[in-house]
Amino acid sequence: MEDKIRRIMSAVFGVPMESIDGLTSHQTLEQWDSLSHMKLVTALEEEFGVVFSDSEILELLSYPLVLLILSEKTGTPRR
């Protein structure tokens, strides 16, 4: 799951997959604006077959939070 999330974030934000880590957030990535945020949400929903609530969309502001929320939604334990 983590590799899929990192691959998606890499593609959406146009950064190397290796640069996506526990510190990656809307505050550390200049490319993470409102449009790219919605692209990320859409890509995650399509890849994982989930639908995020409005409050979840507002919370998806960092790689760790994306991982946490997706783990909860899919029932997949985090490593």
C-alpha atoms as a PDB file:
ATOM      1  CA  MET A   1       0.000   0.000   0.000  1.00  0.00           C
ATOM      2  CA  GLU A   2       2.771   2.444   0.890  1.00  0.00           C
ATOM      3  CA  ASP A   3       4.482   2.045  -2.483  1.00  0.00           C
ATOM      4  CA  LYS A   4       1.184   2.619  -4.310  1.00  0.00           C
ATOM      5  CA  ILE A   5       0.538   5.799  -2.325  1.00  0.00           C
ATOM      6  CA  ARG A   6       4.061   7.056  -2.913  1.00  0.00           C
ATOM      7  CA  ARG A   7       3.794   6.258  -6.639  1.00  0.00           C
ATOM      8  CA  ILE A   8       0.500   8.166  -6.891  1.00  0.00           C
ATOM      9  CA  MET A   9       1.825  11.150  -4.954  1.00  0.00           C
ATOM     10  CA  SER A  10       4.947  11.176  -7.092  1.00  0.00           C
ATOM     11  CA  ALA A  11       2.875  11.248 -10.281  1.00  0.00           C
ATOM     12  CA  VAL A  12       0.420  13.885  -9.025  1.00  0.00           C
ATOM     13  CA  PHE A  13       3.068  16.241  -7.667  1.00  0.00           C
ATOM     14  CA  GLY A  14       5.750  15.551 -10.266  1.00  0.00           C
ATOM     15  CA  VAL A  15       8.450  14.641  -7.760  1.00  0.00           C
ATOM     16  CA  PRO A  16      10.633  11.523  -7.449  1.00  0.00           C
ATOM     17  CA  MET A  17       8.965   8.683  -5.560  1.00  0.00           C
ATOM     18  CA  GLU A  18      11.986   8.535  -3.235  1.00  0.00           C
ATOM     19  CA  SER A  19      11.258  12.067  -2.042  1.00  0.00           C
ATOM     20  CA  ILE A  20       7.863  11.047  -0.609  1.00  0.00           C
ATOM     21  CA  ASP A  21       8.449  10.258   3.062  1.00  0.00           C
ATOM     22  CA  GLY A  22       7.114  10.830   6.559  1.00  0.00           C
ATOM     23  CA  LEU A  23       7.803  14.550   6.300  1.00  0.00           C
ATOM     24  CA  THR A  24       5.990  15.092   2.989  1.00  0.00           C
ATOM     25  CA  SER A  25       3.031  17.423   3.409  1.00  0.00           C
ATOM     26  CA  HIS A  26       1.198  20.335   1.846  1.00  0.00           C
ATOM     27  CA  GLN A  27       3.647  22.542   3.738  1.00  0.00           C
ATOM     28  CA  THR A  28       6.806  20.896   2.388  1.00  0.00           C
ATOM     29  CA  LEU A  29       5.788  20.443  -1.251  1.00  0.00           C
ATOM     30  CA  GLU A  30       5.427  23.626  -3.278  1.00  0.00           C
ATOM     31  CA  GLN A  31       3.482  21.638  -5.898  1.00  0.00           C
ATOM     32  CA  TRP A  32       0.772  20.669  -3.349  1.00  0.00           C
ATOM     33  CA  ASP A  33      -1.894  23.263  -4.120  1.00  0.00           C
ATOM     34  CA  SER A  34      -5.687  22.955  -4.114  1.00  0.00           C
ATOM     35  CA  LEU A  35      -5.853  21.589  -7.666  1.00  0.00           C
ATOM     36  CA  SER A  36      -3.162  18.968  -7.134  1.00  0.00           C
ATOM     37  CA  HIS A  37      -4.818  18.055  -3.817  1.00  0.00           C
ATOM     38  CA  MET A  38      -8.051  17.185  -5.633  1.00  0.00           C
ATOM     39  CA  LYS A  39      -6.079  15.246  -8.261  1.00  0.00           C
ATOM     40  CA  LEU A  40      -4.478  13.282  -5.414  1.00  0.00           C
ATOM     41  CA  VAL A  41      -7.866  12.562  -3.837  1.00  0.00           C
ATOM     42  CA  THR A  42      -9.299  11.367  -7.147  1.00  0.00           C
ATOM     43  CA  ALA A  43      -6.275   9.187  -7.925  1.00  0.00           C
ATOM     44  CA  LEU A  44      -6.368   7.589  -4.461  1.00  0.00           C
ATOM     45  CA  GLU A  45     -10.103   6.924  -4.701  1.00  0.00           C
ATOM     46  CA  GLU A  46      -9.686   5.280  -8.107  1.00  0.00           C
ATOM     47  CA  GLU A  47      -6.667   3.182  -7.106  1.00  0.00           C
ATOM     48  CA  PHE A  48      -8.050   1.937  -3.794  1.00  0.00           C
ATOM     49  CA  GLY A  49     -11.774   1.804  -4.629  1.00  0.00           C
ATOM     50  CA  VAL A  50     -12.777   4.133  -1.802  1.00  0.00           C
ATOM     51  CA  VAL A  51     -14.699   7.384  -1.481  1.00  0.00           C
ATOM     52  CA  PHE A  52     -13.436   9.996   0.934  1.00  0.00           C
ATOM     53  CA  SER A  53     -15.841  12.110   2.971  1.00  0.00           C
ATOM     54  CA  ASP A  54     -15.490  15.887   2.903  1.00  0.00           C
ATOM     55  CA  SER A  55     -13.797  15.845   6.314  1.00  0.00           C
ATOM     56  CA  GLU A  56     -11.359  13.144   5.190  1.00  0.00           C
ATOM     57  CA  ILE A  57     -10.473  15.158   2.084  1.00  0.00           C
ATOM     58  CA  LEU A  58      -9.611  18.102   4.318  1.00  0.00           C
ATOM     59  CA  GLU A  59      -7.423  15.855   6.492  1.00  0.00           C
ATOM     60  CA  LEU A  60      -5.347  14.365   3.647  1.00  0.00           C
ATOM     61  CA  LEU A  61      -2.584  16.926   4.070  1.00  0.00           C
ATOM     62  CA  SER A  62       0.503  14.744   4.448  1.00  0.00           C
ATOM     63  CA  TYR A  63       1.861  11.365   3.431  1.00  0.00           C
ATOM     64  CA  PRO A  64       1.442   9.955   6.964  1.00  0.00           C
ATOM     65  CA  LEU A  65      -2.191  11.126   7.109  1.00  0.00           C
ATOM     66  CA  VAL A  66      -2.939   9.702   3.654  1.00  0.00           C
ATOM     67  CA  LEU A  67      -1.485   6.387   4.805  1.00  0.00           C
ATOM     68  CA  LEU A  68      -3.437   6.436   8.076  1.00  0.00           C
ATOM     69  CA  ILE A  69      -6.799   7.341   6.549  1.00  0.00           C
ATOM     70  CA  LEU A  70      -6.441   4.863   3.681  1.00  0.00           C
ATOM     71  CA  SER A  71      -5.401   2.108   6.093  1.00  0.00           C
ATOM     72  CA  GLU A  72      -8.526   2.763   8.147  1.00  0.00           C
ATOM     73  CA  LYS A  73     -10.799   2.891   5.077  1.00  0.00           C
ATOM     74  CA  THR A  74      -9.444  -0.264   3.493  1.00  0.00           C
ATOM     75  CA  GLY A  75      -8.803  -2.223   6.682  1.00  0.00           C
ATOM     76  CA  THR A  76      -5.187  -2.706   5.614  1.00  0.00           C
ATOM     77  CA  PRO A  77      -2.760  -2.578   8.535  1.00  0.00           C
ATOM     78  CA  ARG A  78       0.110  -0.138   8.285  1.00  0.00           C
ATOM     79  CA  ARG A  79       3.637  -1.490   8.518  1.00  0.00           C
END
